[in-house]
C-alpha atoms as a PDB file:
ATOM      1  CA  UNK A   1      -0.141   0.124   0.111  1.00  0.00           C
ATOM      2  CA  UNK A   2       1.643   2.861  -1.109  1.00  0.00           C
ATOM      3  CA  UNK A   3       1.760   5.900   2.047  1.00  0.00           C
ATOM      4  CA  UNK A   4      -0.927   8.983   1.475  1.00  0.00           C
ATOM      5  CA  UNK A   5       0.357  12.250   0.321  1.00  0.00           C
ATOM      6  CA  UNK A   6      -1.395  15.201   0.694  1.00  0.00           C
ATOM      7  CA  UNK A   7      -3.710  16.440  -2.168  1.00  0.00           C
ATOM      8  CA  UNK A   8      -2.000  18.058  -4.807  1.00  0.00           C
ATOM      9  CA  UNK A   9      -4.627  20.962  -5.285  1.00  0.00           C
ATOM     10  CA  UNK A  10      -4.018  21.990  -1.882  1.00  0.00           C
ATOM     11  CA  UNK A  11      -0.544  22.769  -2.398  1.00  0.00           C
ATOM     12  CA  UNK A  12      -0.786  24.117  -5.433  1.00  0.00           C
ATOM     13  CA  UNK A  13      -3.489  26.511  -4.396  1.00  0.00           C
ATOM     14  CA  UNK A  14      -1.949  27.525  -1.295  1.00  0.00           C
ATOM     15  CA  UNK A  15       1.210  28.270  -3.539  1.00  0.00           C
ATOM     16  CA  UNK A  16      -0.609  30.385  -5.824  1.00  0.00           C
ATOM     17  CA  UNK A  17      -2.346  32.346  -3.004  1.00  0.00           C
ATOM     18  CA  UNK A  18       1.187  33.151  -1.302  1.00  0.00           C
ATOM     19  CA  UNK A  19       2.950  33.974  -4.774  1.00  0.00           C
ATOM     20  CA  UNK A  20      -0.197  36.676  -5.466  1.00  0.00           C
ATOM     21  CA  UNK A  21       0.167  38.054  -2.135  1.00  0.00           C
ATOM     22  CA  UNK A  22       3.957  38.455  -2.802  1.00  0.00           C
ATOM     23  CA  UNK A  23       3.510  39.903  -6.180  1.00  0.00           C
ATOM     24  CA  UNK A  24       0.554  42.517  -5.086  1.00  0.00           C
ATOM     25  CA  UNK A  25       2.937  43.802  -2.234  1.00  0.00           C
ATOM     26  CA  UNK A  26       5.474  44.287  -4.507  1.00  0.00           C
ATOM     27  CA  UNK A  27       3.502  46.321  -6.738  1.00  0.00           C
ATOM     28  CA  UNK A  28       1.934  47.974  -3.851  1.00  0.00           C
ATOM     29  CA  UNK A  29       5.706  49.252  -2.978  1.00  0.00           C
ATOM     30  CA  UNK A  30       6.652  49.980  -6.260  1.00  0.00           C
ATOM     31  CA  UNK A  31       3.812  51.988  -6.450  1.00  0.00           C
ATOM     32  CA  UNK A  32       4.467  54.263  -3.443  1.00  0.00           C
ATOM     33  CA  UNK A  33       8.333  54.694  -4.515  1.00  0.00           C
ATOM     34  CA  UNK A  34       7.242  55.596  -7.669  1.00  0.00           C
ATOM     35  CA  UNK A  35       4.786  58.027  -6.588  1.00  0.00           C
ATOM     36  CA  UNK A  36       6.353  60.043  -3.949  1.00  0.00           C
ATOM     37  CA  UNK A  37       4.403  62.149  -1.664  1.00  0.00           C
ATOM     38  CA  UNK A  38       1.308  63.897  -2.610  1.00  0.00           C
ATOM     39  CA  UNK A  39       1.237  67.525  -3.178  1.00  0.00           C
ATOM     40  CA  UNK A  40       0.181  69.241  -0.270  1.00  0.00           C
ATOM     41  CA  UNK A  41      -1.584  72.503  -0.899  1.00  0.00           C
ATOM     42  CA  UNK A  42       0.312  75.537   0.216  1.00  0.00           C
ATOM     43  CA  UNK A  43      -0.877  77.408   3.436  1.00  0.00           C
ATOM     44  CA  UNK A  44      -0.207  80.776   3.503  1.00  0.00           C
ATOM     45  CA  UNK A  45       1.961  82.264   6.521  1.00  0.00           C
ATOM     46  CA  UNK A  46       0.099  83.226   9.820  1.00  0.00           C
ATOM     47  CA  UNK A  47      -0.255  86.886  10.039  1.00  0.00           C
ATOM     48  CA  UNK A  48      -1.305  88.261  13.526  1.00  0.00           C
ATOM     49  CA  UNK A  49      -4.030  90.814  13.141  1.00  0.00           C
ATOM     50  CA  UNK A  50      -2.740  94.593  14.562  1.00  0.00           C
ATOM     51  CA  UNK A  51      -5.087  95.652  17.340  1.00  0.00           C
ATOM     52  CA  UNK A  52      -5.905  99.821  17.142  1.00  0.00           C
ATOM     53  CA  UNK A  53      -4.996 100.843  20.564  1.00  0.00           C
ATOM     54  CA  UNK A  54      -8.327 103.204  20.842  1.00  0.00           C
ATOM     55  CA  UNK A  55     -10.334 100.066  20.284  1.00  0.00           C
ATOM     56  CA  UNK A  56      -8.732  97.933  22.795  1.00  0.00           C
ATOM     57  CA  UNK A  57      -9.005 100.844  25.387  1.00  0.00           C
ATOM     58  CA  UNK A  58     -12.754 100.849  24.341  1.00  0.00           C
ATOM     59  CA  UNK A  59     -13.187  97.277  25.119  1.00  0.00           C
ATOM     60  CA  UNK A  60     -11.331  97.600  28.432  1.00  0.00           C
ATOM     61  CA  UNK A  61     -14.120 100.528  29.323  1.00  0.00           C
ATOM     62  CA  UNK A  62     -11.816 103.857  28.729  1.00  0.00           C
ATOM     63  CA  UNK A  63     -13.689 106.449  27.066  1.00  0.00           C
ATOM     64  CA  UNK A  64     -12.353 109.825  25.508  1.00  0.00           C
ATOM     65  CA  UNK A  65     -14.350 111.867  28.256  1.00  0.00           C
ATOM     66  CA  UNK A  66     -12.440 110.268  31.267  1.00  0.00           C
ATOM     67  CA  UNK A  67      -9.372 112.372  32.055  1.00  0.00           C
ATOM     68  CA  UNK A  68      -6.716 111.738  33.765  1.00  0.00           C
ATOM     69  CA  UNK A  69      -6.461 112.361  37.457  1.00  0.00           C
ATOM     70  CA  UNK A  70      -3.926 114.374  38.932  1.00  0.00           C
ATOM     71  CA  UNK A  71      -2.442 112.319  42.001  1.00  0.00           C
ATOM     72  CA  UNK A  72      -0.036 114.264  44.628  1.00  0.00           C
ATOM     73  CA  UNK A  73       3.063 115.566  42.932  1.00  0.00           C
ATOM     74  CA  UNK A  74       1.366 115.994  39.501  1.00  0.00           C
ATOM     75  CA  UNK A  75       1.484 112.836  38.184  1.00  0.00           C
ATOM     76  CA  UNK A  76      -1.324 112.494  35.306  1.00  0.00           C
ATOM     77  CA  UNK A  77      -2.864 108.512  35.938  1.00  0.00           C
ATOM     78  CA  UNK A  78      -5.602 107.437  33.896  1.00  0.00           C
ATOM     79  CA  UNK A  79      -8.047 104.493  34.759  1.00  0.00           C
ATOM     80  CA  UNK A  80      -8.195 102.193  31.829  1.00  0.00           C
ATOM     81  CA  UNK A  81      -9.894  99.155  33.559  1.00  0.00           C
ATOM     82  CA  UNK A  82     -10.362  97.148  36.227  1.00  0.00           C
ATOM     83  CA  UNK A  83     -10.640  93.581  36.566  1.00  0.00           C
ATOM     84  CA  UNK A  84     -11.921  92.326  40.101  1.00  0.00           C
ATOM     85  CA  UNK A  85     -11.939  89.307  41.636  1.00  0.00           C
ATOM     86  CA  UNK A  86     -12.922  87.556  45.117  1.00  0.00           C
ATOM     87  CA  UNK A  87     -11.553  88.440  48.356  1.00  0.00           C
ATOM     88  CA  UNK A  88      -9.535  91.433  47.422  1.00  0.00           C
ATOM     89  CA  UNK A  89      -7.764  90.148  44.378  1.00  0.00           C
ATOM     90  CA  UNK A  90      -7.818  92.012  41.314  1.00  0.00           C
ATOM     91  CA  UNK A  91      -6.033  94.527  38.914  1.00  0.00           C
ATOM     92  CA  UNK A  92      -6.159  97.908  37.427  1.00  0.00           C
ATOM     93  CA  UNK A  93      -4.979  98.944  34.226  1.00  0.00           C
ATOM     94  CA  UNK A  94      -3.289 102.220  34.587  1.00  0.00           C
ATOM     95  CA  UNK A  95      -1.632 104.779  32.437  1.00  0.00           C
ATOM     96  CA  UNK A  96       1.058 106.849  34.438  1.00  0.00           C
ATOM     97  CA  UNK A  97       2.303 110.154  33.331  1.00  0.00           C
ATOM     98  CA  UNK A  98       1.056 109.295  29.593  1.00  0.00           C
ATOM     99  CA  UNK A  99       2.967 105.626  29.496  1.00  0.00           C
ATOM    100  CA  UNK A 100       1.473 102.831  28.012  1.00  0.00           C
ATOM    101  CA  UNK A 101      -0.894 101.372  30.515  1.00  0.00           C
ATOM    102  CA  UNK A 102       0.331  98.765  32.879  1.00  0.00           C
ATOM    103  CA  UNK A 103      -1.693  96.331  34.931  1.00  0.00           C
ATOM    104  CA  UNK A 104      -1.271  96.835  38.921  1.00  0.00           C
ATOM    105  CA  UNK A 105      -2.205  94.373  41.469  1.00  0.00           C
ATOM    106  CA  UNK A 106      -3.801  95.383  44.747  1.00  0.00           C
ATOM    107  CA  UNK A 107      -0.844  96.846  46.951  1.00  0.00           C
ATOM    108  CA  UNK A 108       1.278  97.623  44.200  1.00  0.00           C
ATOM    109  CA  UNK A 109       3.223 100.921  43.854  1.00  0.00           C
ATOM    110  CA  UNK A 110       1.647 103.111  40.770  1.00  0.00           C
ATOM    111  CA  UNK A 111       3.807 106.409  41.323  1.00  0.00           C
ATOM    112  CA  UNK A 112       6.169 107.735  44.210  1.00  0.00           C
ATOM    113  CA  UNK A 113       4.331 107.805  47.371  1.00  0.00           C
ATOM    114  CA  UNK A 114       0.961 106.068  45.825  1.00  0.00           C
ATOM    115  CA  UNK A 115      -0.025 102.302  45.890  1.00  0.00           C
ATOM    116  CA  UNK A 116      -3.248 100.675  44.973  1.00  0.00           C
ATOM    117  CA  UNK A 117      -5.172 100.450  47.912  1.00  0.00           C
ATOM    118  CA  UNK A 118      -8.678  99.158  46.849  1.00  0.00           C
ATOM    119  CA  UNK A 119     -10.849  98.286  43.707  1.00  0.00           C
ATOM    120  CA  UNK A 120     -14.541  98.743  42.996  1.00  0.00           C
ATOM    121  CA  UNK A 121     -16.313  97.259  39.722  1.00  0.00           C
ATOM    122  CA  UNK A 122     -15.613 100.667  37.904  1.00  0.00           C
ATOM    123  CA  UNK A 123     -13.262 102.362  40.087  1.00  0.00           C
ATOM    124  CA  UNK A 124      -9.952 102.368  42.128  1.00  0.00           C
ATOM    125  CA  UNK A 125      -8.664 104.034  45.272  1.00  0.00           C
ATOM    126  CA  UNK A 126      -4.874 105.342  45.112  1.00  0.00           C
ATOM    127  CA  UNK A 127      -2.990 106.867  48.466  1.00  0.00           C
ATOM    128  CA  UNK A 128       0.108 106.556  50.736  1.00  0.00           C
ATOM    129  CA  UNK A 129       0.982 103.101  51.831  1.00  0.00           C
ATOM    130  CA  UNK A 130      -0.684 102.448  55.327  1.00  0.00           C
ATOM    131  CA  UNK A 131      -2.649 106.019  55.180  1.00  0.00           C
ATOM    132  CA  UNK A 132      -6.353 106.925  53.471  1.00  0.00           C
ATOM    133  CA  UNK A 133      -7.080 106.994  49.934  1.00  0.00           C
ATOM    134  CA  UNK A 134      -6.061 110.278  48.514  1.00  0.00           C
ATOM    135  CA  UNK A 135      -6.959 109.653  44.910  1.00  0.00           C
ATOM    136  CA  UNK A 136     -10.392 108.065  43.459  1.00  0.00           C
ATOM    137  CA  UNK A 137     -10.575 107.278  40.000  1.00  0.00           C
ATOM    138  CA  UNK A 138     -13.646 105.746  38.213  1.00  0.00           C
ATOM    139  CA  UNK A 139     -14.772 104.731  34.883  1.00  0.00           C
ATOM    140  CA  UNK A 140     -17.587 106.522  32.978  1.00  0.00           C
ATOM    141  CA  UNK A 141     -20.787 104.551  33.095  1.00  0.00           C
ATOM    142  CA  UNK A 142     -21.498 102.722  30.289  1.00  0.00           C
ATOM    143  CA  UNK A 143     -23.843 104.024  27.447  1.00  0.00           C
ATOM    144  CA  UNK A 144     -27.037 101.656  27.017  1.00  0.00           C
ATOM    145  CA  UNK A 145     -27.526 100.532  23.519  1.00  0.00           C
END
């Protein structure tokens, strides 16, 4: 009796499938290497928008009719905006002597002999360290739309 051998159709068909997969893989890699990378459309460079200082000041609550307050020592101080927070935290945006506006926290020295003592929703109080407020600054009321 002859030993049993695997059916030849199984061996031939599995060989054909493996060869077809190897050929398809080779074709795919050739197409990938010859095609290169896809062209990506050019993206224009980012250009930051330029903000107008007057518009920024209007957003922060400054109005043209709000004039500078004269502080002791003839230092003009403009209140540009106020940000108040919980439990005595906050900042006032002040312009001292016509300089660009700067944020001052509570207790910060604004001008010689003046510190930011307290903040209100639309105002700030300045005075000497440890003394009473000598300068009260406030923003004008908002116009009703």
